[in-house]
């Protein structure tokens, strides 16, 4: 299978959908989304499409605050550094399974940076 780079909204949607399908089944991450946050997937996924499209491609209509939902979730159940590590590992694995190229590398770097900032804000590390 030839992999392509992440160059449009369709690719972003494929990445987000595939990633969150795996998140929901993940032993560590799934409970945060399914049992603690009780994520409404039909509302959450379009926000994630907009977020990553904006971050990676400079398009899309994301408006929001990345920190607020994570702070609220952390108040219900502490997000540990290992939880962020699991998120990044699964995210990178998903990107690598479907995409290759400069934008694929960029999205992994940006995801890691965002996770690092959130981890620092919540855990001081």
N, C-alpha and C. Protein backbone atom coordinates (compact mmCIF):
# COMPACT_ATOMS: atom_id res chain seq x y z
N UNK A 1 0.84 -1.19 0.00
CA UNK A 1 0.00 0.00 0.00
C UNK A 1 0.88 1.25 0.00
N UNK A 2 0.66 2.11 -0.95
CA UNK A 2 1.38 3.36 -1.02
C UNK A 2 0.74 4.36 -0.07
N UNK A 3 1.56 4.95 0.75
CA UNK A 3 1.07 5.95 1.70
C UNK A 3 1.24 7.33 1.09
N UNK A 4 0.32 8.20 1.44
CA UNK A 4 0.41 9.58 0.97
C UNK A 4 0.60 10.49 2.19
N UNK A 5 0.88 11.72 1.93
CA UNK A 5 1.02 12.69 3.01
C UNK A 5 -0.36 13.21 3.41
N UNK A 6 -0.41 13.91 4.50
CA UNK A 6 -1.65 14.52 4.98
C UNK A 6 -1.75 15.89 4.33
N UNK A 7 -2.58 15.98 3.30
CA UNK A 7 -2.58 17.21 2.51
C UNK A 7 -3.94 17.87 2.39
N UNK A 8 -4.98 17.24 2.97
CA UNK A 8 -6.31 17.82 2.83
C UNK A 8 -7.21 17.35 3.97
N UNK A 9 -8.41 17.91 4.01
CA UNK A 9 -9.37 17.59 5.06
C UNK A 9 -9.71 16.09 5.08
N UNK A 10 -9.83 15.49 3.92
CA UNK A 10 -10.15 14.07 3.84
C UNK A 10 -9.10 13.23 4.58
N UNK A 11 -7.85 13.55 4.41
CA UNK A 11 -6.77 12.83 5.09
C UNK A 11 -6.84 13.07 6.60
N UNK A 12 -7.12 14.30 7.00
CA UNK A 12 -7.26 14.62 8.43
C UNK A 12 -8.40 13.80 9.03
N UNK A 13 -9.52 13.72 8.33
CA UNK A 13 -10.66 12.96 8.84
C UNK A 13 -10.32 11.48 8.97
N UNK A 14 -9.61 10.93 7.99
CA UNK A 14 -9.19 9.53 8.07
C UNK A 14 -8.31 9.31 9.31
N UNK A 15 -7.36 10.19 9.51
CA UNK A 15 -6.47 10.08 10.66
C UNK A 15 -7.26 10.15 11.97
N UNK A 16 -8.09 11.16 12.11
CA UNK A 16 -8.85 11.37 13.35
C UNK A 16 -9.79 10.19 13.60
N UNK A 17 -10.52 9.77 12.59
CA UNK A 17 -11.46 8.66 12.77
C UNK A 17 -10.74 7.37 13.17
N UNK A 18 -9.65 7.08 12.48
CA UNK A 18 -8.90 5.86 12.77
C UNK A 18 -8.29 5.92 14.16
N UNK A 19 -7.74 7.05 14.51
CA UNK A 19 -7.12 7.22 15.82
C UNK A 19 -8.14 7.04 16.94
N UNK A 20 -9.27 7.74 16.84
CA UNK A 20 -10.24 7.67 17.93
C UNK A 20 -10.99 6.35 17.99
N UNK A 21 -11.06 5.62 16.89
CA UNK A 21 -11.58 4.24 16.95
C UNK A 21 -10.68 3.40 17.86
N UNK A 22 -9.39 3.60 17.72
CA UNK A 22 -8.42 2.86 18.55
C UNK A 22 -8.44 3.36 19.99
N UNK A 23 -8.57 4.66 20.18
CA UNK A 23 -8.62 5.22 21.53
C UNK A 23 -9.77 4.61 22.32
N UNK A 24 -10.92 4.49 21.70
CA UNK A 24 -12.10 3.99 22.41
C UNK A 24 -11.89 2.56 22.93
N UNK A 25 -11.05 1.78 22.25
CA UNK A 25 -10.80 0.39 22.64
C UNK A 25 -9.55 0.24 23.50
N UNK A 26 -8.79 1.31 23.67
CA UNK A 26 -7.49 1.24 24.35
C UNK A 26 -7.69 1.05 25.85
N UNK A 27 -6.89 0.16 26.43
CA UNK A 27 -7.01 -0.17 27.85
C UNK A 27 -6.83 1.04 28.76
N UNK A 28 -5.90 1.90 28.44
CA UNK A 28 -5.60 3.06 29.28
C UNK A 28 -6.43 4.27 28.88
N UNK A 29 -6.48 4.56 27.59
CA UNK A 29 -7.13 5.78 27.11
C UNK A 29 -8.64 5.66 27.03
N UNK A 30 -9.15 4.50 26.65
CA UNK A 30 -10.58 4.31 26.49
C UNK A 30 -11.41 4.75 27.68
N UNK A 31 -11.05 4.35 28.89
CA UNK A 31 -11.85 4.77 30.05
C UNK A 31 -11.93 6.29 30.24
N UNK A 32 -10.89 7.02 29.91
CA UNK A 32 -10.95 8.48 30.02
C UNK A 32 -12.05 9.05 29.12
N UNK A 33 -12.10 8.56 27.90
CA UNK A 33 -13.06 9.07 26.93
C UNK A 33 -14.46 8.52 27.15
N UNK A 34 -14.54 7.23 27.44
CA UNK A 34 -15.84 6.56 27.50
C UNK A 34 -16.52 6.63 28.87
N UNK A 35 -15.74 6.55 29.95
CA UNK A 35 -16.33 6.46 31.27
C UNK A 35 -16.20 7.73 32.11
N UNK A 36 -15.17 8.50 31.88
CA UNK A 36 -14.96 9.72 32.67
C UNK A 36 -15.54 10.92 31.93
N UNK A 37 -15.12 11.13 30.69
CA UNK A 37 -15.58 12.30 29.92
C UNK A 37 -16.93 12.05 29.26
N UNK A 38 -17.29 10.79 29.06
CA UNK A 38 -18.54 10.44 28.35
C UNK A 38 -18.64 11.24 27.05
N UNK A 39 -17.61 11.09 26.22
CA UNK A 39 -17.50 11.86 24.98
C UNK A 39 -18.68 11.58 24.05
N UNK A 40 -19.25 12.65 23.55
CA UNK A 40 -20.25 12.58 22.48
C UNK A 40 -19.45 12.60 21.17
N UNK A 41 -19.24 11.43 20.61
CA UNK A 41 -18.36 11.30 19.45
C UNK A 41 -18.84 12.08 18.25
N UNK A 42 -20.15 12.17 18.05
CA UNK A 42 -20.66 12.90 16.88
C UNK A 42 -20.37 14.40 16.99
N UNK A 43 -20.18 14.90 18.20
CA UNK A 43 -19.79 16.31 18.39
C UNK A 43 -18.27 16.46 18.46
N UNK A 44 -17.60 15.48 19.08
CA UNK A 44 -16.16 15.58 19.31
C UNK A 44 -15.35 15.44 18.01
N UNK A 45 -15.70 14.48 17.19
CA UNK A 45 -14.90 14.24 15.99
C UNK A 45 -14.83 15.44 15.05
N UNK A 46 -15.95 16.10 14.75
CA UNK A 46 -15.82 17.30 13.88
C UNK A 46 -14.94 18.39 14.49
N UNK A 47 -14.95 18.53 15.81
CA UNK A 47 -14.04 19.50 16.44
C UNK A 47 -12.59 19.10 16.21
N UNK A 48 -12.32 17.80 16.29
CA UNK A 48 -10.96 17.32 16.07
C UNK A 48 -10.54 17.47 14.61
N UNK A 49 -11.48 17.26 13.68
CA UNK A 49 -11.16 17.52 12.27
C UNK A 49 -10.74 18.98 12.10
N UNK A 50 -11.56 19.88 12.65
CA UNK A 50 -11.28 21.31 12.52
C UNK A 50 -9.95 21.67 13.18
N UNK A 51 -9.71 21.11 14.37
CA UNK A 51 -8.49 21.41 15.12
C UNK A 51 -7.25 21.01 14.31
N UNK A 52 -7.21 19.75 13.89
CA UNK A 52 -6.00 19.28 13.20
C UNK A 52 -5.87 19.88 11.81
N UNK A 53 -6.97 20.16 11.15
CA UNK A 53 -6.90 20.84 9.86
C UNK A 53 -6.30 22.23 10.04
N UNK A 54 -6.73 22.93 11.08
CA UNK A 54 -6.20 24.26 11.36
C UNK A 54 -4.72 24.19 11.74
N UNK A 55 -4.37 23.28 12.64
CA UNK A 55 -2.99 23.16 13.11
C UNK A 55 -2.04 22.77 11.97
N UNK A 56 -2.44 21.81 11.17
CA UNK A 56 -1.53 21.26 10.17
C UNK A 56 -1.58 21.98 8.82
N UNK A 57 -2.78 22.36 8.40
CA UNK A 57 -2.94 22.92 7.05
C UNK A 57 -3.25 24.41 7.03
N UNK A 58 -3.52 24.98 8.20
CA UNK A 58 -3.84 26.40 8.27
C UNK A 58 -5.22 26.74 7.76
N UNK A 59 -6.05 25.72 7.57
CA UNK A 59 -7.43 25.93 7.12
C UNK A 59 -8.36 25.36 8.18
N UNK A 60 -9.64 25.39 7.91
CA UNK A 60 -10.59 24.88 8.89
C UNK A 60 -11.11 25.99 9.77
N UNK A 61 -12.04 25.63 10.60
CA UNK A 61 -12.72 26.66 11.37
C UNK A 61 -12.64 26.40 12.86
N UNK A 62 -11.52 25.86 13.35
CA UNK A 62 -11.42 25.55 14.77
C UNK A 62 -11.43 26.83 15.60
N UNK A 63 -12.29 26.81 16.59
CA UNK A 63 -12.32 27.86 17.59
C UNK A 63 -12.51 27.13 18.91
N UNK A 64 -11.61 27.34 19.81
CA UNK A 64 -11.73 26.66 21.08
C UNK A 64 -10.47 26.83 21.90
N UNK A 65 -10.49 26.19 23.05
CA UNK A 65 -9.39 26.24 23.97
C UNK A 65 -8.97 24.79 24.24
N UNK A 66 -7.78 24.44 23.86
CA UNK A 66 -7.31 23.07 24.01
C UNK A 66 -7.18 22.69 25.48
N UNK A 67 -6.78 23.62 26.31
CA UNK A 67 -6.52 23.30 27.72
C UNK A 67 -7.78 23.03 28.53
N UNK A 68 -8.83 23.78 28.32
CA UNK A 68 -10.02 23.70 29.19
C UNK A 68 -10.60 22.30 29.33
N UNK A 69 -10.85 21.57 28.24
CA UNK A 69 -11.41 20.23 28.41
C UNK A 69 -10.48 19.28 29.16
N UNK A 70 -9.18 19.46 28.97
CA UNK A 70 -8.22 18.59 29.64
C UNK A 70 -8.12 18.92 31.13
N UNK A 71 -8.22 20.19 31.47
CA UNK A 71 -8.23 20.59 32.88
C UNK A 71 -9.47 20.02 33.56
N UNK A 72 -10.61 20.10 32.90
CA UNK A 72 -11.85 19.55 33.47
C UNK A 72 -11.76 18.04 33.63
N UNK A 73 -11.19 17.36 32.64
CA UNK A 73 -11.04 15.92 32.73
C UNK A 73 -10.07 15.55 33.85
N UNK A 74 -8.99 16.28 33.96
CA UNK A 74 -7.98 16.05 35.00
C UNK A 74 -8.59 16.21 36.39
N UNK A 75 -9.54 17.11 36.53
CA UNK A 75 -10.21 17.31 37.82
C UNK A 75 -11.07 16.09 38.20
N UNK A 76 -11.56 15.38 37.20
CA UNK A 76 -12.38 14.18 37.45
C UNK A 76 -11.51 12.95 37.70
N UNK A 77 -10.46 12.83 36.91
CA UNK A 77 -9.53 11.70 37.04
C UNK A 77 -8.17 12.16 36.53
N UNK A 78 -7.19 12.13 37.40
CA UNK A 78 -5.87 12.65 37.05
C UNK A 78 -5.31 12.03 35.78
N UNK A 79 -4.90 12.91 34.88
CA UNK A 79 -4.16 12.50 33.69
C UNK A 79 -2.69 12.45 34.08
N UNK A 80 -2.12 11.28 34.04
CA UNK A 80 -0.72 11.07 34.42
C UNK A 80 0.19 11.24 33.21
N UNK A 81 1.48 11.50 33.44
CA UNK A 81 2.41 11.57 32.30
C UNK A 81 2.36 10.31 31.43
N UNK A 82 2.17 9.16 32.04
CA UNK A 82 2.09 7.91 31.26
C UNK A 82 0.86 7.88 30.35
N UNK A 83 -0.21 8.58 30.74
CA UNK A 83 -1.40 8.66 29.89
C UNK A 83 -1.09 9.47 28.63
N UNK A 84 -0.34 10.55 28.80
CA UNK A 84 0.07 11.35 27.64
C UNK A 84 1.01 10.54 26.75
N UNK A 85 1.90 9.76 27.36
CA UNK A 85 2.80 8.90 26.59
C UNK A 85 2.01 7.89 25.76
N UNK A 86 0.99 7.30 26.36
CA UNK A 86 0.15 6.33 25.64
C UNK A 86 -0.57 7.00 24.48
N UNK A 87 -1.07 8.23 24.71
CA UNK A 87 -1.77 8.97 23.66
C UNK A 87 -0.83 9.24 22.49
N UNK A 88 0.38 9.72 22.79
CA UNK A 88 1.35 10.04 21.74
C UNK A 88 1.76 8.78 20.99
N UNK A 89 2.01 7.70 21.71
CA UNK A 89 2.41 6.45 21.06
C UNK A 89 1.34 6.00 20.08
N UNK A 90 0.08 5.99 20.52
CA UNK A 90 -1.02 5.55 19.66
C UNK A 90 -1.22 6.51 18.49
N UNK A 91 -1.11 7.80 18.74
CA UNK A 91 -1.26 8.80 17.68
C UNK A 91 -0.19 8.59 16.61
N UNK A 92 1.06 8.48 17.04
CA UNK A 92 2.16 8.30 16.09
C UNK A 92 2.02 6.99 15.32
N UNK A 93 1.61 5.95 16.01
CA UNK A 93 1.39 4.66 15.36
C UNK A 93 0.31 4.78 14.28
N UNK A 94 -0.74 5.51 14.57
CA UNK A 94 -1.83 5.70 13.61
C UNK A 94 -1.35 6.50 12.40
N UNK A 95 -0.62 7.58 12.66
CA UNK A 95 -0.08 8.36 11.55
C UNK A 95 0.81 7.48 10.67
N UNK A 96 1.74 6.77 11.30
CA UNK A 96 2.69 5.96 10.54
C UNK A 96 2.02 4.84 9.75
N UNK A 97 0.91 4.33 10.24
CA UNK A 97 0.21 3.25 9.55
C UNK A 97 -0.46 3.71 8.26
N UNK A 98 -0.78 5.01 8.18
CA UNK A 98 -1.57 5.49 7.05
C UNK A 98 -0.89 6.55 6.18
N UNK A 99 0.11 7.23 6.73
CA UNK A 99 0.67 8.38 6.03
C UNK A 99 2.19 8.40 6.10
N UNK A 100 2.78 9.12 5.16
CA UNK A 100 4.20 9.43 5.21
C UNK A 100 4.44 10.73 4.46
N UNK A 101 5.44 11.45 4.89
CA UNK A 101 5.77 12.70 4.25
C UNK A 101 5.95 13.81 5.26
N UNK A 102 6.28 15.00 4.77
CA UNK A 102 6.57 16.12 5.67
C UNK A 102 5.41 16.48 6.61
N UNK A 103 4.18 16.48 6.11
CA UNK A 103 3.04 16.82 6.96
C UNK A 103 2.78 15.73 8.00
N UNK A 104 3.00 14.48 7.62
CA UNK A 104 2.85 13.38 8.58
C UNK A 104 3.86 13.54 9.72
N UNK A 105 5.08 13.90 9.39
CA UNK A 105 6.08 14.13 10.43
C UNK A 105 5.72 15.37 11.26
N UNK A 106 5.23 16.39 10.60
CA UNK A 106 4.86 17.62 11.30
C UNK A 106 3.73 17.38 12.28
N UNK A 107 2.71 16.62 11.90
CA UNK A 107 1.59 16.41 12.81
C UNK A 107 2.02 15.62 14.04
N UNK A 108 2.95 14.70 13.87
CA UNK A 108 3.46 13.95 15.02
C UNK A 108 4.22 14.89 15.97
N UNK A 109 5.02 15.78 15.40
CA UNK A 109 5.76 16.74 16.23
C UNK A 109 4.81 17.69 16.95
N UNK A 110 3.82 18.18 16.24
CA UNK A 110 2.86 19.11 16.86
C UNK A 110 2.05 18.41 17.94
N UNK A 111 1.64 17.18 17.71
CA UNK A 111 0.89 16.42 18.72
C UNK A 111 1.75 16.23 19.97
N UNK A 112 3.01 15.90 19.77
CA UNK A 112 3.92 15.71 20.90
C UNK A 112 4.11 17.01 21.68
N UNK A 113 4.24 18.11 20.98
CA UNK A 113 4.40 19.41 21.64
C UNK A 113 3.15 19.79 22.43
N UNK A 114 1.99 19.58 21.85
CA UNK A 114 0.74 19.89 22.53
C UNK A 114 0.58 19.02 23.78
N UNK A 115 0.85 17.74 23.63
CA UNK A 115 0.77 16.83 24.79
C UNK A 115 1.75 17.25 25.87
N UNK A 116 2.94 17.66 25.48
CA UNK A 116 3.94 18.12 26.45
C UNK A 116 3.48 19.34 27.22
N UNK A 117 2.90 20.29 26.52
CA UNK A 117 2.39 21.51 27.18
C UNK A 117 1.25 21.16 28.13
N UNK A 118 0.32 20.33 27.68
CA UNK A 118 -0.79 19.95 28.55
C UNK A 118 -0.30 19.17 29.77
N UNK A 119 0.62 18.26 29.57
CA UNK A 119 1.18 17.50 30.68
C UNK A 119 1.85 18.44 31.68
N UNK A 120 2.58 19.42 31.18
CA UNK A 120 3.25 20.39 32.05
C UNK A 120 2.22 21.21 32.84
N UNK A 121 1.17 21.68 32.16
CA UNK A 121 0.14 22.46 32.83
C UNK A 121 -0.56 21.66 33.92
N UNK A 122 -0.79 20.38 33.66
CA UNK A 122 -1.56 19.55 34.60
C UNK A 122 -0.69 18.90 35.67
N UNK A 123 0.54 18.54 35.31
CA UNK A 123 1.37 17.76 36.21
C UNK A 123 2.70 18.41 36.57
N UNK A 124 3.02 19.51 35.91
CA UNK A 124 4.27 20.19 36.20
C UNK A 124 5.51 19.46 35.71
N UNK A 125 5.29 18.49 34.78
CA UNK A 125 6.45 17.77 34.23
C UNK A 125 6.38 17.72 32.71
